[in-house]
């Protein structure tokens, strides 16, 4: 059951990123650089969350990762810096999704930092 929940969350994050990115090309949307930065921040934050849930799904299916696994450490590093970059870009962006991007980024930075510290 938990694998299904993780898959649903991953699909939701990917679809929301696609919808936000595709709305950038609508004719009625302003084309300022801050709007594009905000969309980039959303994509980075969603990618970090999808990486977290994908890693959780992979560990659940394969039976976990060994202690101090180099692949897991690389995933932690990539996820942390992706969320951190999404947080920095989200601070400069404008739009309706600004607060949700910043909240998702802060949450993911905290999650990756706690996971990295616990390893």
N, C-alpha and C. Protein backbone atom coordinates (compact mmCIF):
# COMPACT_ATOMS: atom_id res chain seq x y z
N UNK A 1 0.82 -1.19 0.00
CA UNK A 1 0.00 0.00 0.00
C UNK A 1 0.87 1.26 0.00
N UNK A 2 1.97 1.24 0.77
CA UNK A 2 2.81 2.43 0.84
C UNK A 2 3.53 2.69 -0.49
N UNK A 3 3.80 1.66 -1.26
CA UNK A 3 4.40 1.84 -2.58
C UNK A 3 3.43 2.58 -3.50
N UNK A 4 2.16 2.26 -3.39
CA UNK A 4 1.15 2.95 -4.19
C UNK A 4 1.07 4.43 -3.83
N UNK A 5 1.13 4.74 -2.55
CA UNK A 5 1.09 6.14 -2.10
C UNK A 5 2.30 6.90 -2.63
N UNK A 6 3.47 6.31 -2.57
CA UNK A 6 4.67 6.96 -3.07
C UNK A 6 4.56 7.18 -4.58
N UNK A 7 4.05 6.22 -5.31
CA UNK A 7 3.86 6.38 -6.76
C UNK A 7 2.88 7.50 -7.07
N UNK A 8 1.80 7.59 -6.31
CA UNK A 8 0.82 8.65 -6.53
C UNK A 8 1.45 10.02 -6.27
N UNK A 9 2.25 10.14 -5.23
CA UNK A 9 2.91 11.41 -4.93
C UNK A 9 3.89 11.79 -6.03
N UNK A 10 4.66 10.84 -6.53
CA UNK A 10 5.61 11.11 -7.61
C UNK A 10 4.88 11.57 -8.87
N UNK A 11 3.83 10.87 -9.24
CA UNK A 11 3.07 11.24 -10.43
C UNK A 11 2.44 12.63 -10.25
N UNK A 12 1.92 12.92 -9.08
CA UNK A 12 1.34 14.24 -8.81
C UNK A 12 2.37 15.34 -8.94
N UNK A 13 3.56 15.13 -8.38
CA UNK A 13 4.61 16.14 -8.48
C UNK A 13 5.06 16.35 -9.92
N UNK A 14 5.20 15.28 -10.66
CA UNK A 14 5.63 15.40 -12.06
C UNK A 14 4.55 16.11 -12.88
N UNK A 15 3.30 15.73 -12.70
CA UNK A 15 2.23 16.36 -13.46
C UNK A 15 2.06 17.83 -13.10
N UNK A 16 2.20 18.17 -11.82
CA UNK A 16 2.09 19.58 -11.44
C UNK A 16 3.24 20.39 -12.02
N UNK A 17 4.44 19.81 -12.08
CA UNK A 17 5.56 20.51 -12.69
C UNK A 17 5.34 20.72 -14.18
N UNK A 18 4.79 19.72 -14.84
CA UNK A 18 4.50 19.86 -16.27
C UNK A 18 3.44 20.92 -16.49
N UNK A 19 2.40 20.95 -15.66
CA UNK A 19 1.35 21.95 -15.81
C UNK A 19 1.87 23.36 -15.56
N UNK A 20 2.69 23.52 -14.52
CA UNK A 20 3.25 24.84 -14.24
C UNK A 20 4.17 25.28 -15.36
N UNK A 21 5.00 24.38 -15.85
CA UNK A 21 5.92 24.72 -16.94
C UNK A 21 5.17 25.02 -18.22
N UNK A 22 4.14 24.25 -18.53
CA UNK A 22 3.40 24.49 -19.77
C UNK A 22 2.59 25.78 -19.70
N UNK A 23 2.23 26.22 -18.50
CA UNK A 23 1.49 27.48 -18.40
C UNK A 23 2.38 28.68 -18.72
N UNK A 24 3.69 28.47 -18.72
CA UNK A 24 4.62 29.54 -19.06
C UNK A 24 4.45 29.97 -20.51
N UNK A 25 4.00 29.07 -21.36
CA UNK A 25 3.89 29.38 -22.79
C UNK A 25 2.49 29.86 -23.19
N UNK A 26 1.62 30.08 -22.22
CA UNK A 26 0.31 30.64 -22.54
C UNK A 26 0.46 32.09 -22.95
N UNK A 27 -0.43 32.57 -23.78
CA UNK A 27 -0.31 33.94 -24.31
C UNK A 27 -0.63 35.00 -23.27
N UNK A 28 -1.50 34.70 -22.30
CA UNK A 28 -1.91 35.73 -21.36
C UNK A 28 -1.00 35.84 -20.13
N UNK A 29 0.01 35.02 -20.05
CA UNK A 29 0.91 35.04 -18.90
C UNK A 29 2.05 36.02 -19.14
N UNK A 30 2.36 36.87 -18.15
CA UNK A 30 3.48 37.79 -18.33
C UNK A 30 4.80 37.04 -18.48
N UNK A 31 5.69 37.60 -19.25
CA UNK A 31 6.95 36.92 -19.57
C UNK A 31 8.14 37.56 -18.87
N UNK A 32 7.99 38.00 -17.66
CA UNK A 32 9.12 38.61 -16.96
C UNK A 32 10.10 37.54 -16.50
N UNK A 33 11.31 37.96 -16.23
CA UNK A 33 12.35 37.02 -15.81
C UNK A 33 12.03 36.44 -14.45
N UNK A 34 11.33 37.20 -13.60
CA UNK A 34 11.00 36.71 -12.27
C UNK A 34 9.96 35.59 -12.32
N UNK A 35 9.09 35.65 -13.32
CA UNK A 35 8.12 34.58 -13.50
C UNK A 35 8.82 33.30 -13.95
N UNK A 36 9.76 33.45 -14.85
CA UNK A 36 10.51 32.28 -15.30
C UNK A 36 11.37 31.69 -14.19
N UNK A 37 11.92 32.55 -13.36
CA UNK A 37 12.70 32.08 -12.21
C UNK A 37 11.80 31.29 -11.26
N UNK A 38 10.57 31.77 -11.08
CA UNK A 38 9.65 31.07 -10.19
C UNK A 38 9.28 29.70 -10.73
N UNK A 39 9.08 29.60 -12.02
CA UNK A 39 8.77 28.29 -12.62
C UNK A 39 9.98 27.35 -12.47
N UNK A 40 11.17 27.88 -12.69
CA UNK A 40 12.37 27.07 -12.48
C UNK A 40 12.51 26.60 -11.05
N UNK A 41 12.17 27.48 -10.10
CA UNK A 41 12.23 27.10 -8.68
C UNK A 41 11.22 25.99 -8.38
N UNK A 42 10.03 26.08 -8.98
CA UNK A 42 9.03 25.03 -8.77
C UNK A 42 9.51 23.69 -9.32
N UNK A 43 10.09 23.71 -10.50
CA UNK A 43 10.57 22.48 -11.11
C UNK A 43 11.69 21.87 -10.26
N UNK A 44 12.61 22.69 -9.76
CA UNK A 44 13.69 22.18 -8.92
C UNK A 44 13.16 21.60 -7.60
N UNK A 45 12.22 22.29 -6.98
CA UNK A 45 11.66 21.80 -5.73
C UNK A 45 10.89 20.51 -5.93
N UNK A 46 10.12 20.45 -7.00
CA UNK A 46 9.37 19.23 -7.28
C UNK A 46 10.32 18.09 -7.65
N UNK A 47 11.41 18.39 -8.34
CA UNK A 47 12.39 17.35 -8.68
C UNK A 47 13.05 16.80 -7.42
N UNK A 48 13.32 17.68 -6.46
CA UNK A 48 13.91 17.22 -5.20
C UNK A 48 12.93 16.32 -4.45
N UNK A 49 11.67 16.70 -4.42
CA UNK A 49 10.67 15.87 -3.74
C UNK A 49 10.47 14.56 -4.48
N UNK A 50 10.46 14.59 -5.80
CA UNK A 50 10.31 13.35 -6.57
C UNK A 50 11.52 12.45 -6.37
N UNK A 51 12.71 13.03 -6.25
CA UNK A 51 13.91 12.24 -5.97
C UNK A 51 13.80 11.57 -4.60
N UNK A 52 13.28 12.28 -3.63
CA UNK A 52 13.09 11.70 -2.30
C UNK A 52 12.11 10.53 -2.34
N UNK A 53 10.95 10.75 -2.96
CA UNK A 53 9.96 9.68 -3.01
C UNK A 53 10.41 8.53 -3.90
N UNK A 54 11.12 8.83 -4.97
CA UNK A 54 11.65 7.77 -5.82
C UNK A 54 12.70 6.94 -5.10
N UNK A 55 13.55 7.58 -4.32
CA UNK A 55 14.55 6.86 -3.53
C UNK A 55 13.88 6.00 -2.47
N UNK A 56 12.83 6.54 -1.86
CA UNK A 56 12.08 5.77 -0.87
C UNK A 56 11.44 4.54 -1.52
N UNK A 57 10.87 4.73 -2.69
CA UNK A 57 10.26 3.62 -3.41
C UNK A 57 11.31 2.57 -3.79
N UNK A 58 12.44 3.03 -4.30
CA UNK A 58 13.52 2.12 -4.68
C UNK A 58 14.03 1.32 -3.47
N UNK A 59 14.22 2.00 -2.35
CA UNK A 59 14.70 1.32 -1.15
C UNK A 59 13.68 0.32 -0.64
N UNK A 60 12.42 0.67 -0.77
CA UNK A 60 11.36 -0.24 -0.31
C UNK A 60 11.29 -1.50 -1.17
N UNK A 61 11.44 -1.32 -2.48
CA UNK A 61 11.36 -2.47 -3.39
C UNK A 61 12.60 -3.35 -3.27
N UNK A 62 13.79 -2.73 -3.21
CA UNK A 62 15.04 -3.47 -3.23
C UNK A 62 15.51 -3.91 -1.85
N UNK A 63 14.86 -3.51 -0.81
CA UNK A 63 15.23 -3.96 0.52
C UNK A 63 16.18 -3.03 1.25
N UNK A 64 16.31 -1.81 0.80
CA UNK A 64 17.12 -0.83 1.49
C UNK A 64 18.49 -0.62 0.87
N UNK A 65 19.22 0.33 1.43
CA UNK A 65 20.58 0.63 1.00
C UNK A 65 21.54 0.22 2.11
N UNK A 66 22.76 -0.20 1.75
CA UNK A 66 23.75 -0.47 2.79
C UNK A 66 24.16 0.83 3.50
N UNK A 67 24.73 0.66 4.67
CA UNK A 67 25.18 1.81 5.45
C UNK A 67 26.31 2.52 4.72
N UNK A 68 26.25 3.84 4.62
CA UNK A 68 27.22 4.68 3.92
C UNK A 68 27.39 4.27 2.45
N UNK A 69 26.29 3.95 1.81
CA UNK A 69 26.32 3.61 0.39
C UNK A 69 26.66 4.86 -0.42
N UNK A 70 27.68 4.81 -1.30
CA UNK A 70 28.07 5.99 -2.08
C UNK A 70 26.94 6.51 -2.99
N UNK A 71 26.13 5.61 -3.51
CA UNK A 71 25.01 6.03 -4.35
C UNK A 71 23.99 6.81 -3.52
N UNK A 72 23.72 6.34 -2.33
CA UNK A 72 22.77 7.03 -1.46
C UNK A 72 23.32 8.39 -1.03
N UNK A 73 24.60 8.47 -0.77
CA UNK A 73 25.21 9.76 -0.42
C UNK A 73 25.12 10.75 -1.59
N UNK A 74 25.31 10.25 -2.80
CA UNK A 74 25.18 11.12 -3.98
C UNK A 74 23.74 11.58 -4.16
N UNK A 75 22.78 10.71 -3.87
CA UNK A 75 21.37 11.09 -3.95
C UNK A 75 21.05 12.14 -2.91
N UNK A 76 21.55 11.98 -1.69
CA UNK A 76 21.34 12.98 -0.64
C UNK A 76 21.92 14.34 -1.05
N UNK A 77 23.12 14.33 -1.60
CA UNK A 77 23.76 15.58 -2.01
C UNK A 77 22.98 16.25 -3.13
N UNK A 78 22.60 15.48 -4.13
CA UNK A 78 21.86 16.02 -5.26
C UNK A 78 20.51 16.57 -4.80
N UNK A 79 19.80 15.84 -3.97
CA UNK A 79 18.50 16.29 -3.47
C UNK A 79 18.61 17.54 -2.63
N UNK A 80 19.64 17.60 -1.77
CA UNK A 80 19.81 18.77 -0.91
C UNK A 80 20.10 20.03 -1.74
N UNK A 81 21.03 19.92 -2.67
CA UNK A 81 21.38 21.11 -3.45
C UNK A 81 20.29 21.50 -4.44
N UNK A 82 19.52 20.55 -4.93
CA UNK A 82 18.39 20.88 -5.79
C UNK A 82 17.33 21.65 -5.01
N UNK A 83 17.03 21.19 -3.80
CA UNK A 83 16.05 21.89 -2.96
C UNK A 83 16.58 23.26 -2.53
N UNK A 84 17.86 23.35 -2.23
CA UNK A 84 18.44 24.63 -1.83
C UNK A 84 18.41 25.64 -2.97
N UNK A 85 18.73 25.19 -4.18
CA UNK A 85 18.66 26.08 -5.34
C UNK A 85 17.21 26.49 -5.62
N UNK A 86 16.27 25.58 -5.44
CA UNK A 86 14.85 25.92 -5.58
C UNK A 86 14.42 26.95 -4.54
N UNK A 87 14.97 26.86 -3.33
CA UNK A 87 14.66 27.84 -2.29
C UNK A 87 15.20 29.22 -2.65
N UNK A 88 16.44 29.27 -3.12
CA UNK A 88 17.05 30.55 -3.48
C UNK A 88 16.30 31.18 -4.65
N UNK A 89 16.02 30.40 -5.67
CA UNK A 89 15.29 30.93 -6.82
C UNK A 89 13.86 31.31 -6.45
N UNK A 90 13.24 30.56 -5.57
CA UNK A 90 11.88 30.86 -5.13
C UNK A 90 11.78 32.17 -4.37
N UNK A 91 12.87 32.57 -3.72
CA UNK A 91 12.87 33.84 -2.99
C UNK A 91 12.84 35.02 -3.95
N UNK A 92 13.37 34.85 -5.16
CA UNK A 92 13.40 35.94 -6.14
C UNK A 92 12.20 35.93 -7.08
N UNK A 93 11.46 34.86 -7.13
CA UNK A 93 10.36 34.74 -8.07
C UNK A 93 9.11 35.45 -7.61
N UNK A 94 8.17 35.58 -8.53
CA UNK A 94 6.86 36.16 -8.23
C UNK A 94 5.79 35.25 -8.80
N UNK A 95 4.60 35.36 -8.27
CA UNK A 95 3.49 34.58 -8.82
C UNK A 95 2.68 33.92 -7.72
N UNK A 96 1.67 33.20 -8.19
CA UNK A 96 0.75 32.55 -7.25
C UNK A 96 1.38 31.38 -6.52
N UNK A 97 2.39 30.78 -7.08
CA UNK A 97 2.96 29.57 -6.48
C UNK A 97 4.18 29.86 -5.61
N UNK A 98 4.47 31.12 -5.35
CA UNK A 98 5.69 31.47 -4.63
C UNK A 98 5.75 30.85 -3.23
N UNK A 99 4.69 31.00 -2.46
CA UNK A 99 4.71 30.47 -1.09
C UNK A 99 4.77 28.96 -1.06
N UNK A 100 4.09 28.31 -1.98
CA UNK A 100 4.15 26.85 -2.00
C UNK A 100 5.53 26.35 -2.42
N UNK A 101 6.19 27.07 -3.31
CA UNK A 101 7.55 26.68 -3.72
C UNK A 101 8.52 26.84 -2.56
N UNK A 102 8.42 27.96 -1.88
CA UNK A 102 9.32 28.19 -0.74
C UNK A 102 9.05 27.17 0.37
N UNK A 103 7.79 26.87 0.64
CA UNK A 103 7.45 25.88 1.67
C UNK A 103 7.96 24.49 1.29
N UNK A 104 7.77 24.09 0.04
CA UNK A 104 8.26 22.79 -0.41
C UNK A 104 9.78 22.74 -0.35
N UNK A 105 10.44 23.82 -0.75
CA UNK A 105 11.91 23.84 -0.72
C UNK A 105 12.45 23.77 0.70
N UNK A 106 11.86 24.54 1.60
CA UNK A 106 12.31 24.50 3.00
C UNK A 106 12.11 23.11 3.59
N UNK A 107 10.97 22.50 3.29
CA UNK A 107 10.70 21.16 3.78
C UNK A 107 11.72 20.16 3.24
N UNK A 108 12.00 20.24 1.95
CA UNK A 108 12.94 19.29 1.35
C UNK A 108 14.37 19.52 1.82
N UNK A 109 14.78 20.77 2.01
CA UNK A 109 16.12 21.04 2.56
C UNK A 109 16.22 20.42 3.96
N UNK A 110 15.18 20.58 4.77
CA UNK A 110 15.18 20.00 6.11
C UNK A 110 15.23 18.47 6.04
N UNK A 111 14.42 17.88 5.17
CA UNK A 111 14.39 16.41 5.05
C UNK A 111 15.76 15.87 4.62
N UNK A 112 16.35 16.48 3.58
CA UNK A 112 17.66 16.00 3.11
C UNK A 112 18.73 16.21 4.17
N UNK A 113 18.69 17.31 4.91
CA UNK A 113 19.69 17.55 5.95
C UNK A 113 19.55 16.51 7.09
N UNK A 114 18.34 16.21 7.49
CA UNK A 114 18.13 15.22 8.54
C UNK A 114 18.55 13.83 8.08
N UNK A 115 18.20 13.48 6.83
CA UNK A 115 18.60 12.17 6.31
C UNK A 115 20.11 12.05 6.19
N UNK A 116 20.77 13.11 5.72
CA UNK A 116 22.21 13.09 5.60
C UNK A 116 22.90 13.01 6.95
N UNK A 117 22.36 13.71 7.94
CA UNK A 117 22.94 13.68 9.28
C UNK A 117 22.73 12.33 9.97
N UNK A 118 21.63 11.67 9.65
CA UNK A 118 21.36 10.39 10.30
C UNK A 118 22.16 9.24 9.70
N UNK A 119 22.75 9.45 8.54
CA UNK A 119 23.53 8.39 7.90
C UNK A 119 24.90 8.37 8.56
